[in-house]
Amino acid sequence: MLPHLVDVEHPGTTTDRYDNEVDDWSPGAVTHAEVAAWLQQSSGDEDNDQRSAQVAEWVLICNPEDTAGNALTVHGQDRVTWQALTFEVIGPPGPAYTPDELHHYEIRLRYVKG
């Protein structure tokens, strides 16, 4: 049961002034994939050293295909948006298999505010 719809955002690329390829998060460069998912917060903390920040880690469980039926691709530099929250993906997704096929992904997320 995956009751939430999330948006997986993958950056485009551009070249900086030193000819290095870097992520491009401008609206026209980002690709989006909507996927059915379940989100759950797994930890939370307040960082009060020199600033007031809230940091939380979440787990995203989602289908291996987006809502259009295309194979879902998620990388460590991607972002996930759900409602008004934007998360960064921590590392590669963890695939979970049935005996026959890929069943779902388990993806660690980080949310930082402040």
N, C-alpha and C. Protein backbone atom coordinates (compact mmCIF):
# COMPACT_ATOMS: atom_id res chain seq x y z
N MET A 1 0.84 -1.17 0.00
CA MET A 1 0.00 0.00 0.00
C MET A 1 0.89 1.24 0.00
N LEU A 2 0.86 1.97 -1.09
CA LEU A 2 1.69 3.15 -1.25
C LEU A 2 0.78 4.35 -1.50
N PRO A 3 0.33 5.01 -0.41
CA PRO A 3 -0.72 6.03 -0.55
C PRO A 3 -0.26 7.42 -0.98
N HIS A 4 1.04 7.67 -1.00
CA HIS A 4 1.55 9.01 -1.31
C HIS A 4 2.08 9.08 -2.73
N LEU A 5 1.93 10.24 -3.37
CA LEU A 5 2.58 10.50 -4.64
C LEU A 5 3.73 11.47 -4.39
N VAL A 6 4.93 11.08 -4.78
CA VAL A 6 6.10 11.92 -4.61
C VAL A 6 6.69 12.23 -5.98
N ASP A 7 7.46 13.31 -6.03
CA ASP A 7 8.13 13.72 -7.26
C ASP A 7 9.63 13.51 -7.09
N VAL A 8 10.19 12.62 -7.89
CA VAL A 8 11.63 12.39 -7.89
C VAL A 8 12.23 13.33 -8.93
N GLU A 9 13.15 14.18 -8.50
CA GLU A 9 13.75 15.18 -9.38
C GLU A 9 15.22 14.83 -9.63
N HIS A 10 15.59 14.78 -10.90
CA HIS A 10 16.96 14.48 -11.30
C HIS A 10 17.53 15.70 -12.01
N PRO A 11 18.69 16.21 -11.57
CA PRO A 11 19.22 17.44 -12.18
C PRO A 11 19.76 17.19 -13.58
N GLY A 12 19.73 18.24 -14.38
CA GLY A 12 20.45 18.23 -15.64
C GLY A 12 21.90 18.54 -15.35
N THR A 13 22.67 18.76 -16.39
CA THR A 13 24.07 19.13 -16.20
C THR A 13 24.38 20.38 -17.01
N THR A 14 25.37 21.10 -16.55
CA THR A 14 25.87 22.28 -17.24
C THR A 14 27.37 22.34 -17.00
N THR A 15 28.02 23.22 -17.70
CA THR A 15 29.46 23.39 -17.53
C THR A 15 29.71 24.71 -16.82
N ASP A 16 30.53 24.66 -15.76
CA ASP A 16 30.85 25.89 -15.04
C ASP A 16 31.98 26.64 -15.76
N ARG A 17 32.39 27.75 -15.20
CA ARG A 17 33.39 28.59 -15.86
C ARG A 17 34.77 27.95 -15.93
N TYR A 18 34.98 26.85 -15.22
CA TYR A 18 36.25 26.13 -15.25
C TYR A 18 36.17 24.88 -16.13
N ASP A 19 35.08 24.76 -16.90
CA ASP A 19 34.82 23.61 -17.79
C ASP A 19 34.57 22.32 -17.03
N ASN A 20 34.07 22.42 -15.79
CA ASN A 20 33.67 21.24 -15.03
C ASN A 20 32.18 21.00 -15.24
N GLU A 21 31.79 19.74 -15.36
CA GLU A 21 30.37 19.42 -15.46
C GLU A 21 29.78 19.43 -14.05
N VAL A 22 28.70 20.22 -13.86
CA VAL A 22 28.07 20.36 -12.55
C VAL A 22 26.56 20.17 -12.69
N ASP A 23 25.90 19.87 -11.57
CA ASP A 23 24.45 19.71 -11.57
C ASP A 23 23.77 21.03 -11.91
N ASP A 24 22.69 20.93 -12.67
CA ASP A 24 21.91 22.11 -13.06
C ASP A 24 20.48 21.90 -12.55
N TRP A 25 20.12 22.66 -11.50
CA TRP A 25 18.80 22.54 -10.88
C TRP A 25 17.83 23.60 -11.41
N SER A 26 18.16 24.26 -12.50
CA SER A 26 17.23 25.25 -13.07
C SER A 26 15.98 24.52 -13.58
N PRO A 27 14.83 25.21 -13.56
CA PRO A 27 13.56 24.54 -13.90
C PRO A 27 13.55 23.80 -15.24
N GLY A 28 14.19 24.33 -16.26
CA GLY A 28 14.17 23.66 -17.56
C GLY A 28 15.08 22.46 -17.66
N ALA A 29 16.04 22.33 -16.75
CA ALA A 29 17.02 21.25 -16.82
C ALA A 29 16.63 20.01 -16.01
N VAL A 30 15.77 20.18 -15.03
CA VAL A 30 15.41 19.10 -14.12
C VAL A 30 14.37 18.18 -14.77
N THR A 31 14.57 16.87 -14.62
CA THR A 31 13.55 15.90 -15.05
C THR A 31 12.79 15.42 -13.83
N HIS A 32 11.53 15.12 -14.02
CA HIS A 32 10.64 14.72 -12.92
C HIS A 32 10.04 13.35 -13.20
N ALA A 33 9.85 12.58 -12.14
CA ALA A 33 9.14 11.30 -12.22
C ALA A 33 8.23 11.20 -11.01
N GLU A 34 6.94 11.06 -11.24
CA GLU A 34 5.98 10.89 -10.15
C GLU A 34 5.87 9.40 -9.84
N VAL A 35 5.92 9.07 -8.55
CA VAL A 35 5.90 7.67 -8.15
C VAL A 35 5.06 7.49 -6.90
N ALA A 36 4.37 6.35 -6.83
CA ALA A 36 3.60 5.99 -5.64
C ALA A 36 4.57 5.52 -4.56
N ALA A 37 4.35 6.01 -3.32
CA ALA A 37 5.35 5.76 -2.28
C ALA A 37 4.73 5.74 -0.89
N TRP A 38 5.56 5.34 0.05
CA TRP A 38 5.29 5.42 1.48
C TRP A 38 6.49 6.12 2.09
N LEU A 39 6.25 7.13 2.92
CA LEU A 39 7.33 7.85 3.60
C LEU A 39 7.17 7.71 5.10
N GLN A 40 8.31 7.58 5.78
CA GLN A 40 8.29 7.49 7.23
C GLN A 40 9.56 8.11 7.78
N GLN A 41 9.41 8.98 8.79
CA GLN A 41 10.59 9.58 9.42
C GLN A 41 11.26 8.53 10.29
N SER A 42 12.59 8.43 10.17
CA SER A 42 13.32 7.44 10.95
C SER A 42 14.16 8.06 12.06
N SER A 43 14.50 9.35 11.95
CA SER A 43 15.24 10.02 13.02
C SER A 43 15.10 11.53 12.87
N GLY A 44 15.36 12.24 13.95
CA GLY A 44 15.31 13.70 13.92
C GLY A 44 16.27 14.27 14.95
N ASP A 45 16.76 15.47 14.68
CA ASP A 45 17.73 16.09 15.57
C ASP A 45 17.67 17.61 15.38
N GLU A 46 18.07 18.33 16.40
CA GLU A 46 18.22 19.78 16.30
C GLU A 46 19.68 20.12 16.43
N ASP A 47 20.18 20.87 15.46
CA ASP A 47 21.57 21.30 15.47
C ASP A 47 21.61 22.74 15.97
N ASN A 48 22.08 22.94 17.17
CA ASN A 48 22.12 24.28 17.76
C ASN A 48 23.54 24.85 17.83
N ASP A 49 24.49 24.23 17.16
CA ASP A 49 25.86 24.71 17.15
C ASP A 49 26.01 25.77 16.06
N GLN A 50 25.99 27.02 16.45
CA GLN A 50 26.14 28.17 15.57
C GLN A 50 24.89 28.50 14.75
N ARG A 51 23.85 27.70 14.81
CA ARG A 51 22.61 27.99 14.10
C ARG A 51 21.49 27.15 14.67
N SER A 52 20.29 27.49 14.30
CA SER A 52 19.12 26.72 14.72
C SER A 52 18.62 25.93 13.52
N ALA A 53 18.87 24.65 13.52
CA ALA A 53 18.50 23.81 12.38
C ALA A 53 17.82 22.54 12.85
N GLN A 54 16.92 22.07 12.05
CA GLN A 54 16.28 20.78 12.28
C GLN A 54 16.71 19.85 11.16
N VAL A 55 17.17 18.67 11.53
CA VAL A 55 17.63 17.68 10.56
C VAL A 55 16.89 16.39 10.83
N ALA A 56 16.34 15.79 9.78
CA ALA A 56 15.61 14.54 9.94
C ALA A 56 15.96 13.59 8.81
N GLU A 57 16.01 12.31 9.14
CA GLU A 57 16.18 11.30 8.11
C GLU A 57 14.87 10.55 7.96
N TRP A 58 14.54 10.24 6.72
CA TRP A 58 13.30 9.56 6.38
C TRP A 58 13.63 8.34 5.52
N VAL A 59 12.68 7.42 5.44
CA VAL A 59 12.78 6.29 4.54
C VAL A 59 11.63 6.39 3.55
N LEU A 60 11.96 6.25 2.27
CA LEU A 60 10.98 6.25 1.20
C LEU A 60 10.93 4.85 0.62
N ILE A 61 9.76 4.26 0.60
CA ILE A 61 9.54 2.97 -0.06
C ILE A 61 8.66 3.26 -1.26
N CYS A 62 9.12 2.85 -2.45
CA CYS A 62 8.37 3.19 -3.66
C CYS A 62 8.43 2.08 -4.70
N ASN A 63 7.52 2.17 -5.64
CA ASN A 63 7.49 1.25 -6.77
C ASN A 63 8.74 1.42 -7.62
N PRO A 64 9.15 0.38 -8.34
CA PRO A 64 10.30 0.52 -9.23
C PRO A 64 9.94 1.19 -10.56
N GLU A 65 8.66 1.51 -10.75
CA GLU A 65 8.22 2.23 -11.94
C GLU A 65 7.50 3.50 -11.51
N ASP A 66 7.58 4.55 -12.35
CA ASP A 66 6.83 5.76 -12.07
C ASP A 66 5.37 5.56 -12.45
N THR A 67 4.54 6.57 -12.23
CA THR A 67 3.11 6.42 -12.48
C THR A 67 2.79 6.27 -13.97
N ALA A 68 3.74 6.60 -14.85
CA ALA A 68 3.55 6.44 -16.29
C ALA A 68 4.00 5.04 -16.75
N GLY A 69 4.53 4.23 -15.83
CA GLY A 69 4.95 2.87 -16.17
C GLY A 69 6.40 2.75 -16.60
N ASN A 70 7.17 3.83 -16.52
CA ASN A 70 8.59 3.80 -16.90
C ASN A 70 9.44 3.36 -15.72
N ALA A 71 10.55 2.70 -16.00
CA ALA A 71 11.47 2.29 -14.94
C ALA A 71 11.97 3.52 -14.20
N LEU A 72 11.95 3.45 -12.89
CA LEU A 72 12.39 4.57 -12.06
C LEU A 72 13.90 4.52 -11.89
N THR A 73 14.54 5.67 -12.09
CA THR A 73 15.98 5.80 -11.87
C THR A 73 16.19 6.84 -10.78
N VAL A 74 16.92 6.47 -9.74
CA VAL A 74 17.20 7.38 -8.63
C VAL A 74 18.69 7.32 -8.33
N HIS A 75 19.31 8.52 -8.19
CA HIS A 75 20.73 8.62 -7.89
C HIS A 75 20.91 9.40 -6.59
N GLY A 76 22.10 9.35 -6.03
CA GLY A 76 22.41 10.02 -4.78
C GLY A 76 22.27 11.53 -4.82
N GLN A 77 22.38 12.15 -5.98
CA GLN A 77 22.27 13.61 -6.04
C GLN A 77 20.83 14.07 -6.28
N ASP A 78 19.89 13.17 -6.38
CA ASP A 78 18.51 13.52 -6.68
C ASP A 78 17.80 14.14 -5.47
N ARG A 79 16.64 14.71 -5.76
CA ARG A 79 15.78 15.27 -4.72
C ARG A 79 14.41 14.62 -4.82
N VAL A 80 13.72 14.58 -3.70
CA VAL A 80 12.35 14.07 -3.65
C VAL A 80 11.48 15.14 -3.02
N THR A 81 10.36 15.46 -3.67
CA THR A 81 9.42 16.44 -3.14
C THR A 81 8.12 15.72 -2.80
N TRP A 82 7.64 16.01 -1.59
CA TRP A 82 6.36 15.47 -1.14
C TRP A 82 5.66 16.56 -0.35
N GLN A 83 4.47 16.90 -0.77
CA GLN A 83 3.73 18.02 -0.19
C GLN A 83 4.62 19.26 -0.20
N ALA A 84 4.87 19.90 0.92
CA ALA A 84 5.70 21.11 0.94
C ALA A 84 7.15 20.81 1.33
N LEU A 85 7.53 19.54 1.44
CA LEU A 85 8.87 19.16 1.87
C LEU A 85 9.73 18.73 0.69
N THR A 86 11.00 19.16 0.71
CA THR A 86 11.97 18.71 -0.28
C THR A 86 13.10 18.00 0.44
N PHE A 87 13.38 16.79 0.03
CA PHE A 87 14.40 15.94 0.64
C PHE A 87 15.56 15.75 -0.32
N GLU A 88 16.74 15.48 0.22
CA GLU A 88 17.85 15.05 -0.61
C GLU A 88 18.00 13.54 -0.45
N VAL A 89 18.32 12.86 -1.54
CA VAL A 89 18.53 11.42 -1.51
C VAL A 89 19.92 11.16 -0.93
N ILE A 90 20.00 10.22 0.01
CA ILE A 90 21.26 9.84 0.63
C ILE A 90 21.71 8.52 0.02
N GLY A 91 22.70 8.57 -0.83
CA GLY A 91 23.25 7.36 -1.43
C GLY A 91 22.33 6.72 -2.45
N PRO A 92 22.72 5.58 -2.98
CA PRO A 92 21.89 4.91 -3.98
C PRO A 92 20.69 4.22 -3.34
N PRO A 93 19.62 4.00 -4.12
CA PRO A 93 18.46 3.31 -3.58
C PRO A 93 18.78 1.84 -3.31
N GLY A 94 18.09 1.28 -2.32
CA GLY A 94 18.24 -0.14 -2.02
C GLY A 94 17.14 -0.93 -2.70
N PRO A 95 17.48 -1.78 -3.66
CA PRO A 95 16.45 -2.57 -4.33
C PRO A 95 16.01 -3.74 -3.44
N ALA A 96 14.72 -4.06 -3.49
CA ALA A 96 14.18 -5.22 -2.76
C ALA A 96 13.48 -6.12 -3.78
N TYR A 97 13.85 -7.37 -3.76
CA TYR A 97 13.38 -8.31 -4.78
C TYR A 97 12.43 -9.35 -4.21
N THR A 98 11.51 -9.81 -5.04
CA THR A 98 10.79 -11.05 -4.79
C THR A 98 11.65 -12.14 -5.42
N PRO A 99 11.29 -13.40 -5.32
CA PRO A 99 12.09 -14.41 -6.00
C PRO A 99 12.18 -14.21 -7.52
N ASP A 100 11.19 -13.52 -8.09
CA ASP A 100 11.14 -13.39 -9.54
C ASP A 100 11.64 -12.07 -10.10
N GLU A 101 11.48 -10.96 -9.33
CA GLU A 101 11.74 -9.65 -9.94
C GLU A 101 11.96 -8.57 -8.87
N LEU A 102 12.33 -7.40 -9.36
CA LEU A 102 12.44 -6.23 -8.49
C LEU A 102 11.05 -5.85 -7.99
N HIS A 103 10.89 -5.73 -6.68
CA HIS A 103 9.58 -5.45 -6.09
C HIS A 103 9.41 -3.96 -5.75
N HIS A 104 10.42 -3.37 -5.08
CA HIS A 104 10.35 -1.96 -4.70
C HIS A 104 11.74 -1.45 -4.37
N TYR A 105 11.83 -0.13 -4.17
CA TYR A 105 13.07 0.50 -3.72
C TYR A 105 12.87 1.02 -2.30
N GLU A 106 13.93 0.97 -1.51
CA GLU A 106 13.99 1.62 -0.21
C GLU A 106 15.08 2.68 -0.31
N ILE A 107 14.67 3.95 -0.12
CA ILE A 107 15.58 5.07 -0.36
C ILE A 107 15.67 5.92 0.90
N ARG A 108 16.89 6.19 1.34
CA ARG A 108 17.10 7.04 2.50
C ARG A 108 17.09 8.49 2.05
N LEU A 109 16.39 9.33 2.85
CA LEU A 109 16.25 10.75 2.54
C LEU A 109 16.69 11.58 3.73
N ARG A 110 17.10 12.81 3.45
CA ARG A 110 17.46 13.76 4.51
C ARG A 110 16.69 15.06 4.26
N TYR A 111 16.11 15.59 5.34
CA TYR A 111 15.42 16.87 5.31
C TYR A 111 16.14 17.82 6.27
N VAL A 112 16.51 19.00 5.80
CA VAL A 112 17.19 19.99 6.63
C VAL A 112 16.42 21.30 6.54
N LYS A 113 16.15 21.89 7.69
CA LYS A 113 15.49 23.19 7.75
C LYS A 113 16.27 24.08 8.70
N GLY A 114 16.64 25.26 8.23
CA GLY A 114 17.33 26.23 9.08
C GLY A 114 18.81 26.27 8.92
